[in-house]
PDB file of N, CA and C in Angstrom:
ATOM      1  N   MET A   1     -15.463 -10.624 -10.554  1.00  0.00           N
ATOM      2  CA  MET A   1     -16.625 -10.666 -11.417  1.00  0.00           C
ATOM      3  C   MET A   1     -16.408 -11.635 -12.583  1.00  0.00           C
ATOM      4  N   ARG A   2     -15.139 -11.826 -12.966  1.00  0.00           N
ATOM      5  CA  ARG A   2     -14.853 -12.730 -14.071  1.00  0.00           C
ATOM      6  C   ARG A   2     -15.288 -14.154 -13.739  1.00  0.00           C
ATOM      7  N   ALA A   3     -15.096 -14.565 -12.472  1.00  0.00           N
ATOM      8  CA  ALA A   3     -15.479 -15.913 -12.050  1.00  0.00           C
ATOM      9  C   ALA A   3     -16.978 -16.127 -12.166  1.00  0.00           C
ATOM     10  N   GLN A   4     -17.731 -15.036 -12.110  1.00  0.00           N
ATOM     11  CA  GLN A   4     -19.189 -15.137 -12.222  1.00  0.00           C
ATOM     12  C   GLN A   4     -19.666 -14.997 -13.663  1.00  0.00           C
ATOM     13  N   GLY A   5     -18.733 -14.894 -14.605  1.00  0.00           N
ATOM     14  CA  GLY A   5     -19.083 -14.865 -16.015  1.00  0.00           C
ATOM     15  C   GLY A   5     -19.254 -13.480 -16.611  1.00  0.00           C
ATOM     16  N   PHE A   6     -18.879 -12.443 -15.882  1.00  0.00           N
ATOM     17  CA  PHE A   6     -19.001 -11.085 -16.400  1.00  0.00           C
ATOM     18  C   PHE A   6     -17.709 -10.660 -17.059  1.00  0.00           C
ATOM     19  N   GLY A   7     -17.826  -9.952 -18.180  1.00  0.00           N
ATOM     20  CA  GLY A   7     -16.653  -9.430 -18.868  1.00  0.00           C
ATOM     21  C   GLY A   7     -16.355  -8.012 -18.427  1.00  0.00           C
ATOM     22  N   VAL A   8     -15.206  -7.526 -18.839  1.00  0.00           N
ATOM     23  CA  VAL A   8     -14.782  -6.180 -18.466  1.00  0.00           C
ATOM     24  C   VAL A   8     -15.759  -5.148 -19.016  1.00  0.00           C
ATOM     25  N   GLU A   9     -16.186  -5.330 -20.247  1.00  0.00           N
ATOM     26  CA  GLU A   9     -17.068  -4.352 -20.877  1.00  0.00           C
ATOM     27  C   GLU A   9     -18.398  -4.217 -20.141  1.00  0.00           C
ATOM     28  N   SER A  10     -18.968  -5.345 -19.711  1.00  0.00           N
ATOM     29  CA  SER A  10     -20.260  -5.264 -19.017  1.00  0.00           C
ATOM     30  C   SER A  10     -20.121  -4.614 -17.647  1.00  0.00           C
ATOM     31  N   VAL A  11     -19.024  -4.883 -16.958  1.00  0.00           N
ATOM     32  CA  VAL A  11     -18.793  -4.252 -15.653  1.00  0.00           C
ATOM     33  C   VAL A  11     -18.597  -2.754 -15.833  1.00  0.00           C
ATOM     34  N   CYS A  12     -17.846  -2.355 -16.855  1.00  0.00           N
ATOM     35  CA  CYS A  12     -17.630  -0.934 -17.118  1.00  0.00           C
ATOM     36  C   CYS A  12     -18.935  -0.241 -17.499  1.00  0.00           C
ATOM     37  N   ALA A  13     -19.813  -0.942 -18.205  1.00  0.00           N
ATOM     38  CA  ALA A  13     -21.110  -0.363 -18.571  1.00  0.00           C
ATOM     39  C   ALA A  13     -21.943  -0.082 -17.326  1.00  0.00           C
ATOM     40  N   VAL A  14     -21.949  -0.995 -16.372  1.00  0.00           N
ATOM     41  CA  VAL A  14     -22.685  -0.782 -15.118  1.00  0.00           C
ATOM     42  C   VAL A  14     -22.073   0.381 -14.344  1.00  0.00           C
ATOM     43  N   LEU A  15     -20.749   0.459 -14.317  1.00  0.00           N
ATOM     44  CA  LEU A  15     -20.095   1.572 -13.634  1.00  0.00           C
ATOM     45  C   LEU A  15     -20.438   2.903 -14.287  1.00  0.00           C
ATOM     46  N   ARG A  16     -20.522   2.929 -15.618  1.00  0.00           N
ATOM     47  CA  ARG A  16     -20.909   4.163 -16.311  1.00  0.00           C
ATOM     48  C   ARG A  16     -22.324   4.569 -15.944  1.00  0.00           C
ATOM     49  N   GLU A  17     -23.228   3.608 -15.799  1.00  0.00           N
ATOM     50  CA  GLU A  17     -24.600   3.917 -15.386  1.00  0.00           C
ATOM     51  C   GLU A  17     -24.635   4.537 -13.995  1.00  0.00           C
ATOM     52  N   GLN A  18     -23.675   4.166 -13.157  1.00  0.00           N
ATOM     53  CA  GLN A  18     -23.618   4.683 -11.793  1.00  0.00           C
ATOM     54  C   GLN A  18     -22.831   5.997 -11.706  1.00  0.00           C
ATOM     55  N   GLY A  19     -22.310   6.467 -12.843  1.00  0.00           N
ATOM     56  CA  GLY A  19     -21.612   7.742 -12.866  1.00  0.00           C
ATOM     57  C   GLY A  19     -20.104   7.650 -12.769  1.00  0.00           C
ATOM     58  N   CYS A  20     -19.551   6.462 -12.785  1.00  0.00           N
ATOM     59  CA  CYS A  20     -18.101   6.281 -12.707  1.00  0.00           C
ATOM     60  C   CYS A  20     -17.591   5.907 -14.093  1.00  0.00           C
ATOM     61  N   GLN A  21     -16.911   6.845 -14.738  1.00  0.00           N
ATOM     62  CA  GLN A  21     -16.461   6.625 -16.104  1.00  0.00           C
ATOM     63  C   GLN A  21     -15.156   5.829 -16.113  1.00  0.00           C
ATOM     64  N   VAL A  22     -15.252   4.543 -16.423  1.00  0.00           N
ATOM     65  CA  VAL A  22     -14.079   3.683 -16.527  1.00  0.00           C
ATOM     66  C   VAL A  22     -14.139   2.973 -17.872  1.00  0.00           C
ATOM     67  N   ALA A  23     -13.106   3.185 -18.682  1.00  0.00           N
ATOM     68  CA  ALA A  23     -13.040   2.531 -19.981  1.00  0.00           C
ATOM     69  C   ALA A  23     -12.393   1.153 -19.816  1.00  0.00           C
ATOM     70  N   PRO A  24     -12.841   0.167 -20.591  1.00  0.00           N
ATOM     71  CA  PRO A  24     -12.224  -1.159 -20.515  1.00  0.00           C
ATOM     72  C   PRO A  24     -10.715  -1.112 -20.771  1.00  0.00           C
ATOM     73  N   ARG A  25     -10.280  -0.248 -21.666  1.00  0.00           N
ATOM     74  CA  ARG A  25      -8.856  -0.119 -21.972  1.00  0.00           C
ATOM     75  C   ARG A  25      -8.088   0.352 -20.733  1.00  0.00           C
ATOM     76  N   THR A  26      -8.683   1.270 -19.961  1.00  0.00           N
ATOM     77  CA  THR A  26      -8.045   1.765 -18.744  1.00  0.00           C
ATOM     78  C   THR A  26      -7.883   0.646 -17.736  1.00  0.00           C
ATOM     79  N   TYR A  27      -8.919  -0.168 -17.566  1.00  0.00           N
ATOM     80  CA  TYR A  27      -8.845  -1.286 -16.623  1.00  0.00           C
ATOM     81  C   TYR A  27      -7.769  -2.276 -17.040  1.00  0.00           C
ATOM     82  N   ARG A  28      -7.742  -2.635 -18.308  1.00  0.00           N
ATOM     83  CA  ARG A  28      -6.755  -3.610 -18.779  1.00  0.00           C
ATOM     84  C   ARG A  28      -5.340  -3.078 -18.641  1.00  0.00           C
ATOM     85  N   SER A  29      -5.150  -1.784 -18.874  1.00  0.00           N
ATOM     86  CA  SER A  29      -3.842  -1.169 -18.706  1.00  0.00           C
ATOM     87  C   SER A  29      -3.421  -1.218 -17.246  1.00  0.00           C
ATOM     88  N   TRP A  30      -4.338  -0.904 -16.332  1.00  0.00           N
ATOM     89  CA  TRP A  30      -4.046  -0.943 -14.903  1.00  0.00           C
ATOM     90  C   TRP A  30      -3.703  -2.358 -14.461  1.00  0.00           C
ATOM     91  N   LYS A  31      -4.433  -3.335 -14.963  1.00  0.00           N
ATOM     92  CA  LYS A  31      -4.258  -4.728 -14.554  1.00  0.00           C
ATOM     93  C   LYS A  31      -2.885  -5.265 -14.982  1.00  0.00           C
ATOM     94  N   SER A  32      -2.393  -4.843 -16.132  1.00  0.00           N
ATOM     95  CA  SER A  32      -1.140  -5.397 -16.646  1.00  0.00           C
ATOM     96  C   SER A  32       0.088  -4.588 -16.214  1.00  0.00           C
ATOM     97  N   ARG A  33      -0.108  -3.441 -15.577  1.00  0.00           N
ATOM     98  CA  ARG A  33       0.999  -2.577 -15.173  1.00  0.00           C
ATOM     99  C   ARG A  33       1.731  -3.151 -13.964  1.00  0.00           C
ATOM    100  N   GLN A  34       3.033  -2.931 -13.916  1.00  0.00           N
ATOM    101  CA  GLN A  34       3.838  -3.344 -12.778  1.00  0.00           C
ATOM    102  C   GLN A  34       3.572  -2.392 -11.606  1.00  0.00           C
ATOM    103  N   PRO A  35       3.700  -2.880 -10.374  1.00  0.00           N
ATOM    104  CA  PRO A  35       3.517  -1.980  -9.235  1.00  0.00           C
ATOM    105  C   PRO A  35       4.598  -0.902  -9.222  1.00  0.00           C
ATOM    106  N   SER A  36       4.254   0.257  -8.689  1.00  0.00           N
ATOM    107  CA  SER A  36       5.202   1.367  -8.655  1.00  0.00           C
ATOM    108  C   SER A  36       6.319   1.089  -7.656  1.00  0.00           C
ATOM    109  N   LEU A  37       7.423   1.809  -7.809  1.00  0.00           N
ATOM    110  CA  LEU A  37       8.559   1.659  -6.911  1.00  0.00           C
ATOM    111  C   LEU A  37       8.156   2.038  -5.483  1.00  0.00           C
ATOM    112  N   ARG A  38       7.304   3.071  -5.342  1.00  0.00           N
ATOM    113  CA  ARG A  38       6.852   3.473  -4.009  1.00  0.00           C
ATOM    114  C   ARG A  38       6.052   2.359  -3.342  1.00  0.00           C
ATOM    115  N   THR A  39       5.200   1.692  -4.077  1.00  0.00           N
ATOM    116  CA  THR A  39       4.414   0.601  -3.516  1.00  0.00           C
ATOM    117  C   THR A  39       5.323  -0.523  -3.015  1.00  0.00           C
ATOM    118  N   ILE A  40       6.324  -0.858  -3.792  1.00  0.00           N
ATOM    119  CA  ILE A  40       7.249  -1.925  -3.416  1.00  0.00           C
ATOM    120  C   ILE A  40       8.056  -1.520  -2.183  1.00  0.00           C
ATOM    121  N   THR A  41       8.572  -0.284  -2.183  1.00  0.00           N
ATOM    122  CA  THR A  41       9.348   0.208  -1.047  1.00  0.00           C
ATOM    123  C   THR A  41       8.488   0.255   0.210  1.00  0.00           C
ATOM    124  N   ASP A  42       7.250   0.741   0.070  1.00  0.00           N
ATOM    125  CA  ASP A  42       6.342   0.802   1.219  1.00  0.00           C
ATOM    126  C   ASP A  42       6.096  -0.586   1.799  1.00  0.00           C
ATOM    127  N   ALA A  43       5.982  -1.585   0.942  1.00  0.00           N
ATOM    128  CA  ALA A  43       5.751  -2.949   1.423  1.00  0.00           C
ATOM    129  C   ALA A  43       6.942  -3.449   2.235  1.00  0.00           C
ATOM    130  N   HIS A  44       8.157  -3.147   1.780  1.00  0.00           N
ATOM    131  CA  HIS A  44       9.355  -3.566   2.518  1.00  0.00           C
ATOM    132  C   HIS A  44       9.436  -2.879   3.878  1.00  0.00           C
ATOM    133  N   VAL A  45       9.169  -1.577   3.901  1.00  0.00           N
ATOM    134  CA  VAL A  45       9.235  -0.823   5.162  1.00  0.00           C
ATOM    135  C   VAL A  45       8.143  -1.294   6.112  1.00  0.00           C
ATOM    136  N   THR A  46       6.935  -1.517   5.591  1.00  0.00           N
ATOM    137  CA  THR A  46       5.829  -1.997   6.428  1.00  0.00           C
ATOM    138  C   THR A  46       6.166  -3.352   7.023  1.00  0.00           C
ATOM    139  N   ASN A  47       6.736  -4.238   6.230  1.00  0.00           N
ATOM    140  CA  ASN A  47       7.131  -5.549   6.755  1.00  0.00           C
ATOM    141  C   ASN A  47       8.186  -5.421   7.846  1.00  0.00           C
ATOM    142  N   ALA A  48       9.137  -4.502   7.653  1.00  0.00           N
ATOM    143  CA  ALA A  48      10.168  -4.288   8.670  1.00  0.00           C
ATOM    144  C   ALA A  48       9.546  -3.760   9.961  1.00  0.00           C
ATOM    145  N   MET A  49       8.549  -2.883   9.835  1.00  0.00           N
ATOM    146  CA  MET A  49       7.874  -2.364  11.029  1.00  0.00           C
ATOM    147  C   MET A  49       7.048  -3.462  11.702  1.00  0.00           C
ATOM    148  N   LEU A  50       6.374  -4.265  10.918  1.00  0.00           N
ATOM    149  CA  LEU A  50       5.542  -5.329  11.490  1.00  0.00           C
ATOM    150  C   LEU A  50       6.389  -6.413  12.146  1.00  0.00           C
ATOM    151  N   ASP A  51       7.636  -6.554  11.719  1.00  0.00           N
ATOM    152  CA  ASP A  51       8.537  -7.519  12.356  1.00  0.00           C
ATOM    153  C   ASP A  51       8.848  -7.141  13.800  1.00  0.00           C
ATOM    154  N   THR A  52       8.632  -5.879  14.174  1.00  0.00           N
ATOM    155  CA  THR A  52       8.918  -5.443  15.538  1.00  0.00           C
ATOM    156  C   THR A  52       7.751  -5.688  16.485  1.00  0.00           C
ATOM    157  N   VAL A  53       6.623  -6.125  15.977  1.00  0.00           N
ATOM    158  CA  VAL A  53       5.463  -6.377  16.837  1.00  0.00           C
ATOM    159  C   VAL A  53       5.807  -7.485  17.832  1.00  0.00           C
ATOM    160  N   GLY A  54       5.509  -7.249  19.094  1.00  0.00           N
ATOM    161  CA  GLY A  54       5.801  -8.218  20.133  1.00  0.00           C
ATOM    162  C   GLY A  54       7.181  -8.062  20.743  1.00  0.00           C
ATOM    163  N   THR A  55       7.937  -7.093  20.258  1.00  0.00           N
ATOM    164  CA  THR A  55       9.253  -6.791  20.818  1.00  0.00           C
ATOM    165  C   THR A  55       9.179  -5.409  21.449  1.00  0.00           C
ATOM    166  N   PRO A  56      10.165  -5.063  22.276  1.00  0.00           N
ATOM    167  CA  PRO A  56      10.157  -3.707  22.849  1.00  0.00           C
ATOM    168  C   PRO A  56      10.155  -2.611  21.780  1.00  0.00           C
ATOM    169  N   GLU A  57      10.801  -2.867  20.645  1.00  0.00           N
ATOM    170  CA  GLU A  57      10.828  -1.885  19.565  1.00  0.00           C
ATOM    171  C   GLU A  57       9.450  -1.665  18.959  1.00  0.00           C
ATOM    172  N   GLY A  58       8.562  -2.610  19.137  1.00  0.00           N
ATOM    173  CA  GLY A  58       7.210  -2.485  18.611  1.00  0.00           C
ATOM    174  C   GLY A  58       6.405  -1.385  19.275  1.00  0.00           C
ATOM    175  N   LEU A  59       6.888  -0.891  20.405  1.00  0.00           N
ATOM    176  CA  LEU A  59       6.207   0.191  21.119  1.00  0.00           C
ATOM    177  C   LEU A  59       6.741   1.565  20.730  1.00  0.00           C
ATOM    178  N   TYR A  60       7.731   1.602  19.843  1.00  0.00           N
ATOM    179  CA  TYR A  60       8.340   2.861  19.443  1.00  0.00           C
ATOM    180  C   TYR A  60       7.352   3.744  18.696  1.00  0.00           C
ATOM    181  N   GLY A  61       7.556   5.036  18.848  1.00  0.00           N
ATOM    182  CA  GLY A  61       6.814   6.014  18.062  1.00  0.00           C
ATOM    183  C   GLY A  61       7.508   6.230  16.731  1.00  0.00           C
ATOM    184  N   ARG A  62       7.057   7.244  16.033  1.00  0.00           N
ATOM    185  CA  ARG A  62       7.557   7.476  14.688  1.00  0.00           C
ATOM    186  C   ARG A  62       9.052   7.820  14.665  1.00  0.00           C
ATOM    187  N   ARG A  63       9.502   8.705  15.542  1.00  0.00           N
ATOM    188  CA  ARG A  63      10.903   9.110  15.540  1.00  0.00           C
ATOM    189  C   ARG A  63      11.832   7.950  15.877  1.00  0.00           C
ATOM    190  N   LYS A  64      11.507   7.225  16.936  1.00  0.00           N
ATOM    191  CA  LYS A  64      12.367   6.105  17.326  1.00  0.00           C
ATOM    192  C   LYS A  64      12.291   4.973  16.305  1.00  0.00           C
ATOM    193  N   MET A  65      11.122   4.764  15.714  1.00  0.00           N
ATOM    194  CA  MET A  65      10.986   3.706  14.707  1.00  0.00           C
ATOM    195  C   MET A  65      11.843   4.037  13.488  1.00  0.00           C
ATOM    196  N   THR A  66      11.865   5.309  13.095  1.00  0.00           N
ATOM    197  CA  THR A  66      12.710   5.716  11.968  1.00  0.00           C
ATOM    198  C   THR A  66      14.174   5.411  12.274  1.00  0.00           C
ATOM    199  N   ALA A  67      14.623   5.776  13.471  1.00  0.00           N
ATOM    200  CA  ALA A  67      16.016   5.515  13.860  1.00  0.00           C
ATOM    201  C   ALA A  67      16.295   4.016  13.929  1.00  0.00           C
ATOM    202  N   HIS A  68      15.355   3.253  14.465  1.00  0.00           N
ATOM    203  CA  HIS A  68      15.525   1.801  14.566  1.00  0.00           C
ATOM    204  C   HIS A  68      15.651   1.169  13.180  1.00  0.00           C
ATOM    205  N   LEU A  69      14.771   1.551  12.259  1.00  0.00           N
ATOM    206  CA  LEU A  69      14.822   0.984  10.910  1.00  0.00           C
ATOM    207  C   LEU A  69      16.127   1.341  10.214  1.00  0.00           C
ATOM    208  N   ARG A  70      16.585   2.565  10.417  1.00  0.00           N
ATOM    209  CA  ARG A  70      17.861   2.966   9.808  1.00  0.00           C
ATOM    210  C   ARG A  70      19.014   2.150  10.382  1.00  0.00           C
ATOM    211  N   ARG A  71      18.984   1.875  11.694  1.00  0.00           N
ATOM    212  CA  ARG A  71      20.028   1.037  12.301  1.00  0.00           C
ATOM    213  C   ARG A  71      19.984  -0.380  11.752  1.00  0.00           C
ATOM    214  N   GLN A  72      18.795  -0.831  11.367  1.00  0.00           N
ATOM    215  CA  GLN A  72      18.644  -2.174  10.812  1.00  0.00           C
ATOM    216  C   GLN A  72      19.025  -2.237   9.331  1.00  0.00           C
ATOM    217  N   GLY A  73      19.373  -1.090   8.750  1.00  0.00           N
ATOM    218  CA  GLY A  73      19.805  -1.070   7.354  1.00  0.00           C
ATOM    219  C   GLY A  73      18.710  -0.747   6.361  1.00  0.00           C
ATOM    220  N   VAL A  74      17.552  -0.333   6.858  1.00  0.00           N
ATOM    221  CA  VAL A  74      16.450   0.039   5.967  1.00  0.00           C
ATOM    222  C   VAL A  74      16.597   1.521   5.653  1.00  0.00           C
ATOM    223  N   ASP A  75      16.760   1.864   4.389  1.00  0.00           N
ATOM    224  CA  ASP A  75      16.891   3.258   3.978  1.00  0.00           C
ATOM    225  C   ASP A  75      15.496   3.856   3.909  1.00  0.00           C
ATOM    226  N   VAL A  76      15.140   4.665   4.922  1.00  0.00           N
ATOM    227  CA  VAL A  76      13.778   5.163   5.032  1.00  0.00           C
ATOM    228  C   VAL A  76      13.793   6.602   5.533  1.00  0.00           C
ATOM    229  N   SER A  77      12.830   7.382   5.078  1.00  0.00           N
ATOM    230  CA  SER A  77      12.709   8.754   5.547  1.00  0.00           C
ATOM    231  C   SER A  77      11.702   8.824   6.690  1.00  0.00           C
ATOM    232  N   ALA A  78      11.786   9.896   7.471  1.00  0.00           N
ATOM    233  CA  ALA A  78      10.855  10.084   8.582  1.00  0.00           C
ATOM    234  C   ALA A  78       9.429  10.242   8.064  1.00  0.00           C
ATOM    235  N   GLY A  79       9.276  10.899   6.925  1.00  0.00           N
ATOM    236  CA  GLY A  79       7.945  11.084   6.346  1.00  0.00           C
ATOM    237  C   GLY A  79       7.304   9.770   5.931  1.00  0.00           C
ATOM    238  N   THR A  80       8.099   8.871   5.404  1.00  0.00           N
ATOM    239  CA  THR A  80       7.578   7.563   4.997  1.00  0.00           C
ATOM    240  C   THR A  80       7.114   6.775   6.215  1.00  0.00           C
ATOM    241  N   VAL A  81       7.923   6.784   7.278  1.00  0.00           N
ATOM    242  CA  VAL A  81       7.541   6.069   8.497  1.00  0.00           C
ATOM    243  C   VAL A  81       6.273   6.679   9.076  1.00  0.00           C
ATOM    244  N   HIS A  82       6.190   8.008   9.080  1.00  0.00           N
ATOM    245  CA  HIS A  82       5.005   8.694   9.589  1.00  0.00           C
ATOM    246  C   HIS A  82       3.754   8.262   8.816  1.00  0.00           C
ATOM    247  N   ARG A  83       3.848   8.282   7.485  1.00  0.00           N
ATOM    248  CA  ARG A  83       2.699   7.921   6.646  1.00  0.00           C
ATOM    249  C   ARG A  83       2.303   6.465   6.836  1.00  0.00           C
ATOM    250  N   LEU A  84       3.288   5.561   6.854  1.00  0.00           N
ATOM    251  CA  LEU A  84       2.975   4.140   6.959  1.00  0.00           C
ATOM    252  C   LEU A  84       2.465   3.753   8.332  1.00  0.00           C
ATOM    253  N   MET A  85       3.003   4.377   9.389  1.00  0.00           N
ATOM    254  CA  MET A  85       2.491   4.083  10.716  1.00  0.00           C
ATOM    255  C   MET A  85       1.047   4.586  10.847  1.00  0.00           C
ATOM    256  N   GLY A  86       0.747   5.704  10.216  1.00  0.00           N
ATOM    257  CA  GLY A  86      -0.630   6.187  10.209  1.00  0.00           C
ATOM    258  C   GLY A  86      -1.539   5.242   9.446  1.00  0.00           C
ATOM    259  N   ASP A  87      -1.054   4.701   8.322  1.00  0.00           N
ATOM    260  CA  ASP A  87      -1.842   3.738   7.548  1.00  0.00           C
ATOM    261  C   ASP A  87      -2.111   2.471   8.336  1.00  0.00           C
ATOM    262  N   GLU A  88      -1.131   2.066   9.145  1.00  0.00           N
ATOM    263  CA  GLU A  88      -1.281   0.834   9.934  1.00  0.00           C
ATOM    264  C   GLU A  88      -2.076   1.068  11.213  1.00  0.00           C
ATOM    265  N   GLY A  89      -2.398   2.328  11.521  1.00  0.00           N
ATOM    266  CA  GLY A  89      -3.211   2.611  12.687  1.00  0.00           C
ATOM    267  C   GLY A  89      -2.428   2.862  13.957  1.00  0.00           C
ATOM    268  N   SER A  90      -1.104   2.976  13.831  1.00  0.00           N
ATOM    269  CA  SER A  90      -0.281   3.254  15.012  1.00  0.00           C
ATOM    270  C   SER A  90      -0.224   4.764  15.200  1.00  0.00           C
ATOM    271  N   MET A  91      -0.495   5.197  16.399  1.00  0.00           N
ATOM    272  CA  MET A  91      -0.422   6.622  16.704  1.00  0.00           C
ATOM    273  C   MET A  91       0.617   6.834  17.774  1.00  0.00           C
ATOM    274  N   ALA A  92       1.499   7.781  17.546  1.00  0.00           N
ATOM    275  CA  ALA A  92       2.532   8.071  18.542  1.00  0.00           C
ATOM    276  C   ALA A  92       2.472   9.521  18.949  1.00  0.00           C
TER     277      ALA A  92
END
């Protein structure tokens, strides 16, 4: 919206009219915050899983994928693999 000439305050005003209470200070705080450790870790694990696409390991389900990633040196829990594979649309 900034490229179209709208400021944070005007966008927040429209959102308030629609029932979504967002303060400009909240938006600016969110924008300047560093990504969480979970977000960064999830990105690394997702990339490791996507690297297996097109290989026999790419057909693995959640349990085998967890074991494969651990063998590759990725410190990951079964719950994380389960959640991320679900996010990526893989069902096992």
